[in-house]
Amino acid sequence: MHLIALDMQPASNRGGQEKSLFDILTGLRDLGVKITLLYVLDGDLLQKYRGKGIDCVRISRISIVNKLSLVEVFGFIASVFRVCRLGGDVFYINQIMDAPVAVAAKMLGGIRRVVCHLRLPPLVDCWQIRRSIPRIDRFIVANRLMKRLHCETGVPEENVEIIPNGFWMDRFPEPA
């Protein structure tokens, strides 16, 4: 299996999503899954990803903000074709904002499935996200409330899996 993932900027100072993604991807890599991490901006976690045997590939865009900007449109198209050349089985996105590049690659046959981890409450309406949702194969949420909120905004209930957040108890020392 070849899993492609995306992190706009893999940096440890950005917050919990980036650290969680690092744990997920390195855990899957330890299980023998081939991982390619796509990124747009450099960050300090790139060296750690590479140290764990994860391929890191820079792309120029994950979506189109200004439809009238040829630089954005061509950058997005170039990114989609780069993803298609990688030929992954699953494209795992860590947030719904990353869906446009993943869904476009799937539509061109470069990716077989797209899985989206919904970590934040639903976003305000965005045309790219609205058009991407029906083409995402599975969504992951942490609890029933997040599932309900996302389903109310158009995410198909049958495609949502609840996987609670957690942590490894053995990483915490016993109290004195």
N, C-alpha and C. Protein backbone atom coordinates (compact mmCIF):
# COMPACT_ATOMS: atom_id res chain seq x y z
N MET A 1 0.84 -1.18 0.00
CA MET A 1 0.00 0.00 0.00
C MET A 1 0.88 1.24 0.00
N HIS A 2 0.45 2.23 -0.76
CA HIS A 2 1.14 3.51 -0.81
C HIS A 2 0.16 4.60 -0.38
N LEU A 3 0.46 5.25 0.74
CA LEU A 3 -0.38 6.31 1.28
C LEU A 3 0.29 7.65 1.01
N ILE A 4 -0.47 8.55 0.45
CA ILE A 4 0.00 9.92 0.24
C ILE A 4 -0.72 10.80 1.25
N ALA A 5 0.02 11.67 1.89
CA ALA A 5 -0.56 12.58 2.88
C ALA A 5 -0.12 14.00 2.53
N LEU A 6 -0.78 14.96 3.14
CA LEU A 6 -0.50 16.36 2.84
C LEU A 6 -0.44 17.17 4.12
N ASP A 7 0.58 17.98 4.23
CA ASP A 7 0.69 18.95 5.31
C ASP A 7 1.21 20.24 4.68
N MET A 8 0.43 21.28 4.71
CA MET A 8 0.81 22.55 4.09
C MET A 8 2.22 22.97 4.50
N GLN A 9 2.49 22.91 5.80
CA GLN A 9 3.81 23.25 6.33
C GLN A 9 4.10 22.33 7.51
N PRO A 10 4.90 21.30 7.31
CA PRO A 10 5.20 20.37 8.41
C PRO A 10 6.15 20.99 9.44
N ALA A 11 5.57 21.71 10.39
CA ALA A 11 6.36 22.40 11.41
C ALA A 11 5.78 22.12 12.79
N SER A 12 6.65 21.85 13.73
CA SER A 12 6.21 21.48 15.08
C SER A 12 5.61 22.64 15.85
N ASN A 13 5.88 23.88 15.44
CA ASN A 13 5.36 25.04 16.18
C ASN A 13 3.97 25.46 15.71
N ARG A 14 3.37 24.73 14.76
CA ARG A 14 2.06 25.13 14.24
C ARG A 14 0.92 24.61 15.08
N GLY A 15 1.09 23.50 15.79
CA GLY A 15 0.00 23.05 16.65
C GLY A 15 -0.18 21.55 16.65
N GLY A 16 -1.31 21.14 17.24
CA GLY A 16 -1.58 19.73 17.48
C GLY A 16 -1.85 18.92 16.23
N GLN A 17 -2.47 19.52 15.20
CA GLN A 17 -2.76 18.78 13.98
C GLN A 17 -1.48 18.25 13.34
N GLU A 18 -0.47 19.08 13.27
CA GLU A 18 0.78 18.68 12.65
C GLU A 18 1.48 17.58 13.45
N LYS A 19 1.42 17.70 14.78
CA LYS A 19 2.03 16.67 15.63
C LYS A 19 1.25 15.36 15.52
N SER A 20 -0.05 15.44 15.47
CA SER A 20 -0.87 14.25 15.33
C SER A 20 -0.62 13.58 13.98
N LEU A 21 -0.53 14.37 12.92
CA LEU A 21 -0.23 13.81 11.60
C LEU A 21 1.11 13.11 11.61
N PHE A 22 2.11 13.71 12.25
CA PHE A 22 3.43 13.08 12.35
C PHE A 22 3.32 11.72 13.04
N ASP A 23 2.59 11.66 14.15
CA ASP A 23 2.42 10.38 14.86
C ASP A 23 1.70 9.34 14.01
N ILE A 24 0.65 9.76 13.31
CA ILE A 24 -0.11 8.83 12.46
C ILE A 24 0.78 8.29 11.35
N LEU A 25 1.46 9.19 10.64
CA LEU A 25 2.26 8.75 9.50
C LEU A 25 3.46 7.92 9.90
N THR A 26 4.14 8.31 10.96
CA THR A 26 5.31 7.51 11.38
C THR A 26 4.86 6.16 11.94
N GLY A 27 3.70 6.12 12.58
CA GLY A 27 3.17 4.85 13.06
C GLY A 27 2.84 3.92 11.91
N LEU A 28 2.21 4.44 10.87
CA LEU A 28 1.92 3.63 9.69
C LEU A 28 3.20 3.19 8.98
N ARG A 29 4.18 4.08 8.94
CA ARG A 29 5.48 3.73 8.31
C ARG A 29 6.13 2.59 9.08
N ASP A 30 6.05 2.64 10.41
CA ASP A 30 6.62 1.56 11.24
C ASP A 30 5.93 0.22 10.97
N LEU A 31 4.69 0.27 10.48
CA LEU A 31 3.95 -0.96 10.14
C LEU A 31 4.24 -1.42 8.70
N GLY A 32 5.11 -0.69 8.00
CA GLY A 32 5.50 -1.10 6.66
C GLY A 32 4.77 -0.44 5.52
N VAL A 33 3.94 0.55 5.82
CA VAL A 33 3.21 1.27 4.76
C VAL A 33 4.16 2.26 4.10
N LYS A 34 4.15 2.29 2.76
CA LYS A 34 4.94 3.29 2.03
C LYS A 34 4.19 4.61 2.15
N ILE A 35 4.90 5.64 2.58
CA ILE A 35 4.29 6.96 2.81
C ILE A 35 5.02 8.01 1.98
N THR A 36 4.24 8.86 1.33
CA THR A 36 4.78 10.06 0.68
C THR A 36 4.05 11.24 1.28
N LEU A 37 4.80 12.18 1.83
CA LEU A 37 4.22 13.40 2.40
C LEU A 37 4.40 14.53 1.40
N LEU A 38 3.30 15.16 1.03
CA LEU A 38 3.34 16.34 0.19
C LEU A 38 3.33 17.57 1.09
N TYR A 39 4.04 18.60 0.68
CA TYR A 39 4.04 19.84 1.46
C TYR A 39 4.23 21.01 0.51
N VAL A 40 3.84 22.21 0.98
CA VAL A 40 3.97 23.43 0.19
C VAL A 40 5.11 24.29 0.74
N LEU A 41 5.15 24.43 2.06
CA LEU A 41 6.17 25.25 2.71
C LEU A 41 7.06 24.38 3.59
N ASP A 42 8.36 24.69 3.62
CA ASP A 42 9.29 23.95 4.46
C ASP A 42 8.94 24.10 5.94
N GLY A 43 9.28 23.08 6.72
CA GLY A 43 9.10 23.12 8.16
C GLY A 43 10.09 22.19 8.82
N ASP A 44 10.27 22.34 10.12
CA ASP A 44 11.28 21.57 10.84
C ASP A 44 10.97 20.08 10.94
N LEU A 45 9.73 19.67 10.70
CA LEU A 45 9.41 18.25 10.78
C LEU A 45 9.83 17.47 9.54
N LEU A 46 10.18 18.15 8.45
CA LEU A 46 10.59 17.44 7.23
C LEU A 46 11.78 16.53 7.49
N GLN A 47 12.75 17.02 8.22
CA GLN A 47 13.94 16.21 8.53
C GLN A 47 13.56 14.98 9.36
N LYS A 48 12.64 15.13 10.29
CA LYS A 48 12.18 14.00 11.10
C LYS A 48 11.41 12.99 10.25
N TYR A 49 10.55 13.49 9.34
CA TYR A 49 9.84 12.59 8.43
C TYR A 49 10.83 11.78 7.60
N ARG A 50 11.80 12.45 7.02
CA ARG A 50 12.79 11.76 6.18
C ARG A 50 13.59 10.75 7.01
N GLY A 51 13.88 11.10 8.25
CA GLY A 51 14.60 10.19 9.14
C GLY A 51 13.81 8.92 9.44
N LYS A 52 12.50 8.99 9.33
CA LYS A 52 11.64 7.82 9.54
C LYS A 52 11.37 7.05 8.24
N GLY A 53 12.01 7.46 7.14
CA GLY A 53 11.84 6.76 5.88
C GLY A 53 10.63 7.19 5.07
N ILE A 54 10.14 8.38 5.34
CA ILE A 54 8.99 8.91 4.62
C ILE A 54 9.49 9.86 3.53
N ASP A 55 9.04 9.60 2.29
CA ASP A 55 9.41 10.48 1.17
C ASP A 55 8.66 11.80 1.33
N CYS A 56 9.36 12.90 1.09
CA CYS A 56 8.75 14.23 1.19
C CYS A 56 8.87 14.91 -0.16
N VAL A 57 7.74 15.34 -0.70
CA VAL A 57 7.68 15.93 -2.04
C VAL A 57 6.99 17.28 -1.95
N ARG A 58 7.66 18.30 -2.47
CA ARG A 58 7.07 19.64 -2.46
C ARG A 58 6.12 19.80 -3.65
N ILE A 59 4.97 20.41 -3.39
CA ILE A 59 4.05 20.81 -4.46
C ILE A 59 3.82 22.31 -4.31
N SER A 60 3.25 22.92 -5.33
CA SER A 60 3.13 24.38 -5.28
C SER A 60 1.80 24.87 -4.72
N ARG A 61 0.70 24.12 -4.92
CA ARG A 61 -0.61 24.59 -4.47
C ARG A 61 -1.48 23.42 -4.06
N ILE A 62 -2.40 23.68 -3.12
CA ILE A 62 -3.37 22.65 -2.73
C ILE A 62 -4.79 23.03 -3.14
N SER A 63 -4.98 24.29 -3.53
CA SER A 63 -6.29 24.76 -3.95
C SER A 63 -6.11 26.03 -4.78
N ILE A 64 -7.23 26.56 -5.23
CA ILE A 64 -7.21 27.81 -5.99
C ILE A 64 -8.01 28.84 -5.19
N VAL A 65 -7.35 29.88 -4.75
CA VAL A 65 -8.02 30.93 -3.99
C VAL A 65 -8.60 31.96 -4.95
N ASN A 66 -7.80 32.37 -5.92
CA ASN A 66 -8.22 33.37 -6.90
C ASN A 66 -8.34 32.70 -8.26
N LYS A 67 -9.58 32.42 -8.70
CA LYS A 67 -9.80 31.71 -9.97
C LYS A 67 -9.27 32.49 -11.17
N LEU A 68 -9.05 33.77 -11.02
CA LEU A 68 -8.57 34.59 -12.14
C LEU A 68 -7.05 34.66 -12.22
N SER A 69 -6.37 34.06 -11.26
CA SER A 69 -4.91 34.10 -11.25
C SER A 69 -4.36 32.88 -12.01
N LEU A 70 -3.75 33.15 -13.16
CA LEU A 70 -3.16 32.05 -13.94
C LEU A 70 -2.05 31.35 -13.18
N VAL A 71 -1.31 32.08 -12.36
CA VAL A 71 -0.25 31.46 -11.56
C VAL A 71 -0.85 30.42 -10.61
N GLU A 72 -1.95 30.77 -9.95
CA GLU A 72 -2.60 29.83 -9.04
C GLU A 72 -3.18 28.63 -9.79
N VAL A 73 -3.88 28.89 -10.89
CA VAL A 73 -4.51 27.82 -11.66
C VAL A 73 -3.45 26.85 -12.18
N PHE A 74 -2.40 27.37 -12.81
CA PHE A 74 -1.37 26.49 -13.36
C PHE A 74 -0.58 25.79 -12.25
N GLY A 75 -0.35 26.49 -11.13
CA GLY A 75 0.32 25.85 -10.00
C GLY A 75 -0.49 24.70 -9.44
N PHE A 76 -1.80 24.89 -9.35
CA PHE A 76 -2.68 23.83 -8.87
C PHE A 76 -2.68 22.64 -9.82
N ILE A 77 -2.79 22.91 -11.12
CA ILE A 77 -2.78 21.82 -12.11
C ILE A 77 -1.46 21.05 -12.05
N ALA A 78 -0.34 21.77 -11.92
CA ALA A 78 0.96 21.11 -11.82
C ALA A 78 1.02 20.22 -10.58
N SER A 79 0.46 20.70 -9.47
CA SER A 79 0.45 19.91 -8.24
C SER A 79 -0.38 18.64 -8.40
N VAL A 80 -1.54 18.76 -9.05
CA VAL A 80 -2.41 17.60 -9.26
C VAL A 80 -1.69 16.56 -10.11
N PHE A 81 -1.04 16.98 -11.18
CA PHE A 81 -0.34 16.01 -12.03
C PHE A 81 0.85 15.39 -11.31
N ARG A 82 1.49 16.14 -10.44
CA ARG A 82 2.59 15.56 -9.65
C ARG A 82 2.05 14.46 -8.74
N VAL A 83 0.90 14.70 -8.11
CA VAL A 83 0.28 13.68 -7.27
C VAL A 83 -0.08 12.46 -8.10
N CYS A 84 -0.65 12.67 -9.27
CA CYS A 84 -1.04 11.54 -10.13
C CYS A 84 0.16 10.68 -10.51
N ARG A 85 1.30 11.30 -10.74
CA ARG A 85 2.51 10.53 -11.09
C ARG A 85 2.99 9.67 -9.93
N LEU A 86 2.67 10.07 -8.70
CA LEU A 86 3.07 9.26 -7.53
C LEU A 86 2.26 7.97 -7.45
N GLY A 87 1.02 7.99 -7.92
CA GLY A 87 0.20 6.79 -7.98
C GLY A 87 -0.11 6.14 -6.65
N GLY A 88 -0.67 6.86 -5.72
CA GLY A 88 -0.98 6.30 -4.40
C GLY A 88 -2.29 5.55 -4.35
N ASP A 89 -2.39 4.67 -3.37
CA ASP A 89 -3.63 3.94 -3.13
C ASP A 89 -4.62 4.80 -2.35
N VAL A 90 -4.11 5.52 -1.35
CA VAL A 90 -4.96 6.34 -0.48
C VAL A 90 -4.31 7.71 -0.34
N PHE A 91 -5.13 8.74 -0.42
CA PHE A 91 -4.66 10.11 -0.14
C PHE A 91 -5.33 10.50 1.18
N TYR A 92 -4.52 10.64 2.22
CA TYR A 92 -5.02 11.02 3.55
C TYR A 92 -4.82 12.51 3.72
N ILE A 93 -5.93 13.23 3.95
CA ILE A 93 -5.81 14.66 4.20
C ILE A 93 -6.20 14.94 5.64
N ASN A 94 -5.45 15.84 6.24
CA ASN A 94 -5.54 16.13 7.66
C ASN A 94 -6.56 17.21 7.99
N GLN A 95 -7.18 17.77 6.96
CA GLN A 95 -8.21 18.79 7.15
C GLN A 95 -8.94 18.98 5.82
N ILE A 96 -10.16 19.43 5.87
CA ILE A 96 -11.01 19.54 4.68
C ILE A 96 -10.46 20.56 3.68
N MET A 97 -9.71 21.56 4.14
CA MET A 97 -9.16 22.56 3.23
C MET A 97 -8.18 21.97 2.23
N ASP A 98 -7.65 20.78 2.53
CA ASP A 98 -6.70 20.13 1.64
C ASP A 98 -7.37 19.27 0.57
N ALA A 99 -8.70 19.23 0.58
CA ALA A 99 -9.43 18.33 -0.31
C ALA A 99 -9.27 18.63 -1.81
N PRO A 100 -9.20 19.88 -2.26
CA PRO A 100 -9.19 20.11 -3.71
C PRO A 100 -8.10 19.34 -4.46
N VAL A 101 -6.87 19.36 -4.00
CA VAL A 101 -5.80 18.68 -4.73
C VAL A 101 -5.98 17.16 -4.68
N ALA A 102 -6.44 16.64 -3.55
CA ALA A 102 -6.65 15.19 -3.42
C ALA A 102 -7.78 14.71 -4.32
N VAL A 103 -8.89 15.43 -4.32
CA VAL A 103 -10.05 15.04 -5.12
C VAL A 103 -9.75 15.18 -6.62
N ALA A 104 -9.04 16.22 -7.01
CA ALA A 104 -8.69 16.39 -8.42
C ALA A 104 -7.80 15.24 -8.88
N ALA A 105 -6.85 14.83 -8.06
CA ALA A 105 -5.99 13.69 -8.41
C ALA A 105 -6.80 12.41 -8.51
N LYS A 106 -7.76 12.23 -7.63
CA LYS A 106 -8.63 11.04 -7.69
C LYS A 106 -9.46 11.06 -8.98
N MET A 107 -10.00 12.20 -9.33
CA MET A 107 -10.83 12.30 -10.53
C MET A 107 -10.03 11.98 -11.80
N LEU A 108 -8.73 12.24 -11.79
CA LEU A 108 -7.88 11.94 -12.94
C LEU A 108 -7.32 10.51 -12.89
N GLY A 109 -7.68 9.76 -11.86
CA GLY A 109 -7.24 8.37 -11.77
C GLY A 109 -5.88 8.16 -11.13
N GLY A 110 -5.29 9.22 -10.57
CA GLY A 110 -3.97 9.08 -9.95
C GLY A 110 -4.02 8.56 -8.53
N ILE A 111 -5.19 8.62 -7.91
CA ILE A 111 -5.40 8.17 -6.53
C ILE A 111 -6.66 7.32 -6.52
N ARG A 112 -6.64 6.24 -5.73
CA ARG A 112 -7.83 5.38 -5.70
C ARG A 112 -8.87 5.83 -4.69
N ARG A 113 -8.41 6.28 -3.49
CA ARG A 113 -9.35 6.68 -2.43
C ARG A 113 -8.83 7.92 -1.72
N VAL A 114 -9.77 8.71 -1.19
CA VAL A 114 -9.42 9.89 -0.39
C VAL A 114 -10.08 9.74 0.97
N VAL A 115 -9.27 9.92 2.02
CA VAL A 115 -9.74 9.88 3.41
C VAL A 115 -9.44 11.23 4.03
N CYS A 116 -10.45 11.83 4.65
CA CYS A 116 -10.30 13.17 5.24
C CYS A 116 -10.55 13.12 6.74
N HIS A 117 -9.59 13.60 7.49
CA HIS A 117 -9.71 13.70 8.94
C HIS A 117 -10.32 15.07 9.26
N LEU A 118 -11.54 15.08 9.75
CA LEU A 118 -12.22 16.33 10.09
C LEU A 118 -11.92 16.67 11.55
N ARG A 119 -10.98 17.54 11.77
CA ARG A 119 -10.54 17.88 13.12
C ARG A 119 -11.18 19.15 13.65
N LEU A 120 -11.67 19.99 12.75
CA LEU A 120 -12.24 21.29 13.13
C LEU A 120 -13.73 21.30 12.86
N PRO A 121 -14.47 22.19 13.50
CA PRO A 121 -15.90 22.33 13.17
C PRO A 121 -16.06 22.69 11.69
N PRO A 122 -17.25 22.47 11.13
CA PRO A 122 -17.46 22.75 9.71
C PRO A 122 -17.11 24.18 9.33
N LEU A 123 -16.58 24.31 8.12
CA LEU A 123 -16.17 25.62 7.61
C LEU A 123 -17.33 26.38 7.01
N VAL A 124 -17.13 27.66 6.87
CA VAL A 124 -18.07 28.49 6.13
C VAL A 124 -18.03 28.01 4.68
N ASP A 125 -19.12 28.16 3.98
CA ASP A 125 -19.26 27.65 2.62
C ASP A 125 -18.11 28.07 1.72
N CYS A 126 -17.54 27.10 1.02
CA CYS A 126 -16.45 27.33 0.07
C CYS A 126 -16.72 26.44 -1.14
N TRP A 127 -16.71 26.97 -2.32
CA TRP A 127 -17.08 26.22 -3.52
C TRP A 127 -16.22 24.99 -3.74
N GLN A 128 -14.90 25.08 -3.49
CA GLN A 128 -14.03 23.93 -3.71
C GLN A 128 -14.32 22.80 -2.72
N ILE A 129 -14.58 23.17 -1.48
CA ILE A 129 -14.87 22.16 -0.47
C ILE A 129 -16.24 21.54 -0.74
N ARG A 130 -17.22 22.36 -1.04
CA ARG A 130 -18.57 21.87 -1.33
C ARG A 130 -18.54 20.85 -2.48
N ARG A 131 -17.75 21.12 -3.50
CA ARG A 131 -17.65 20.20 -4.65
C ARG A 131 -16.79 18.99 -4.34
N SER A 132 -15.92 19.08 -3.37
CA SER A 132 -15.03 17.97 -3.03
C SER A 132 -15.70 16.93 -2.15
N ILE A 133 -16.59 17.34 -1.25
CA ILE A 133 -17.18 16.44 -0.26
C ILE A 133 -17.76 15.17 -0.86
N PRO A 134 -18.55 15.23 -1.94
CA PRO A 134 -19.13 13.98 -2.48
C PRO A 134 -18.09 13.01 -3.04
N ARG A 135 -16.87 13.50 -3.31
CA ARG A 135 -15.84 12.66 -3.92
C ARG A 135 -14.85 12.10 -2.90
N ILE A 136 -15.06 12.42 -1.63
CA ILE A 136 -14.20 11.88 -0.57
C ILE A 136 -14.82 10.57 -0.09
N ASP A 137 -14.00 9.54 -0.02
CA ASP A 137 -14.50 8.20 0.29
C ASP A 137 -14.83 8.00 1.76
N ARG A 138 -14.02 8.52 2.66
CA ARG A 138 -14.23 8.35 4.10
C ARG A 138 -13.82 9.61 4.84
N PHE A 139 -14.57 9.87 5.90
CA PHE A 139 -14.26 10.98 6.80
C PHE A 139 -14.01 10.40 8.18
N ILE A 140 -13.09 10.98 8.91
CA ILE A 140 -12.80 10.58 10.28
C ILE A 140 -13.11 11.76 11.19
N VAL A 141 -13.86 11.51 12.27
CA VAL A 141 -14.13 12.52 13.29
C VAL A 141 -13.82 11.90 14.65
N ALA A 142 -13.68 12.75 15.67
CA ALA A 142 -13.30 12.27 17.00
C ALA A 142 -14.49 11.90 17.88
N ASN A 143 -15.69 12.41 17.57
CA ASN A 143 -16.82 12.15 18.46
C ASN A 143 -18.16 12.33 17.73
N ARG A 144 -19.24 12.00 18.41
CA ARG A 144 -20.58 12.08 17.81
C ARG A 144 -20.99 13.51 17.49
N LEU A 145 -20.60 14.46 18.32
CA LEU A 145 -20.95 15.86 18.06
C LEU A 145 -20.32 16.33 16.74
N MET A 146 -19.04 16.04 16.54
CA MET A 146 -18.39 16.44 15.29
C MET A 146 -19.05 15.76 14.09
N LYS A 147 -19.45 14.51 14.27
CA LYS A 147 -20.13 13.80 13.18
C LYS A 147 -21.44 14.50 12.84
N ARG A 148 -22.22 14.81 13.86
CA ARG A 148 -23.50 15.47 13.63
C ARG A 148 -23.32 16.83 12.94
N LEU A 149 -22.38 17.63 13.43
CA LEU A 149 -22.15 18.96 12.86
C LEU A 149 -21.75 18.88 11.39
N HIS A 150 -20.87 17.95 11.07
CA HIS A 150 -20.43 17.83 9.68
C HIS A 150 -21.52 17.25 8.79
N CYS A 151 -22.29 16.32 9.30
CA CYS A 151 -23.38 15.75 8.51
C CYS A 151 -24.45 16.80 8.22
N GLU A 152 -24.67 17.72 9.15
CA GLU A 152 -25.62 18.80 8.93
C GLU A 152 -25.18 19.74 7.81
N THR A 153 -23.89 19.75 7.50
CA THR A 153 -23.39 20.64 6.44
C THR A 153 -23.12 19.90 5.14
N GLY A 154 -23.57 18.65 5.03
CA GLY A 154 -23.48 17.96 3.74
C GLY A 154 -22.57 16.75 3.66
N VAL A 155 -21.86 16.42 4.73
CA VAL A 155 -21.02 15.22 4.71
C VAL A 155 -21.94 14.01 4.86
N PRO A 156 -21.87 13.03 3.95
CA PRO A 156 -22.76 11.87 4.03
C PRO A 156 -22.49 11.04 5.29
N GLU A 157 -23.53 10.84 6.10
CA GLU A 157 -23.38 10.14 7.38
C GLU A 157 -22.77 8.76 7.23
N GLU A 158 -23.12 8.04 6.16
CA GLU A 158 -22.62 6.68 5.98
C GLU A 158 -21.12 6.64 5.68
N ASN A 159 -20.52 7.78 5.38
CA ASN A 159 -19.08 7.83 5.08
C ASN A 159 -18.24 8.36 6.24
N VAL A 160 -18.86 8.54 7.40
CA VAL A 160 -18.16 9.12 8.55
C VAL A 160 -17.87 8.03 9.59
N GLU A 161 -16.62 7.94 9.97
CA GLU A 161 -16.19 7.00 11.02
C GLU A 161 -15.76 7.81 12.25
N ILE A 162 -16.21 7.38 13.42
CA ILE A 162 -15.77 8.01 14.66
C ILE A 162 -14.57 7.24 15.18
N ILE A 163 -13.44 7.92 15.26
CA ILE A 163 -12.23 7.36 15.85
C ILE A 163 -11.79 8.33 16.94
N PRO A 164 -12.06 7.99 18.20
CA PRO A 164 -11.75 8.93 19.29
C PRO A 164 -10.26 9.25 19.37
N ASN A 165 -9.98 10.49 19.74
CA ASN A 165 -8.60 10.86 20.01
C ASN A 165 -8.13 10.11 21.24
N GLY A 166 -6.86 9.86 21.31
CA GLY A 166 -6.34 9.14 22.47
C GLY A 166 -4.86 9.39 22.64
N PHE A 167 -4.29 8.69 23.57
CA PHE A 167 -2.86 8.81 23.82
C PHE A 167 -2.38 7.49 24.43
N TRP A 168 -1.07 7.29 24.38
CA TRP A 168 -0.47 6.07 24.91
C TRP A 168 -0.16 6.26 26.39
N MET A 169 -0.80 5.46 27.23
CA MET A 169 -0.59 5.57 28.67
C MET A 169 0.87 5.28 29.05
N ASP A 170 1.54 4.39 28.32
CA ASP A 170 2.90 4.02 28.68
C ASP A 170 3.91 5.14 28.42
N ARG A 171 3.51 6.22 27.78
CA ARG A 171 4.41 7.36 27.55
C ARG A 171 4.43 8.32 28.74
N PHE A 172 3.55 8.09 29.71
CA PHE A 172 3.49 8.97 30.88
C PHE A 172 4.06 8.23 32.08
N PRO A 173 4.94 8.87 32.84
CA PRO A 173 5.52 8.20 34.00
C PRO A 173 4.50 7.98 35.11
N GLU A 174 4.73 6.96 35.90
CA GLU A 174 3.87 6.69 37.04
C GLU A 174 4.04 7.80 38.08
N PRO A 175 2.95 8.21 38.75
CA PRO A 175 3.10 9.26 39.78
C PRO A 175 3.94 8.74 40.94
N ALA A 176 4.65 9.66 41.57
CA ALA A 176 5.55 9.30 42.68
C ALA A 176 4.78 8.98 43.94
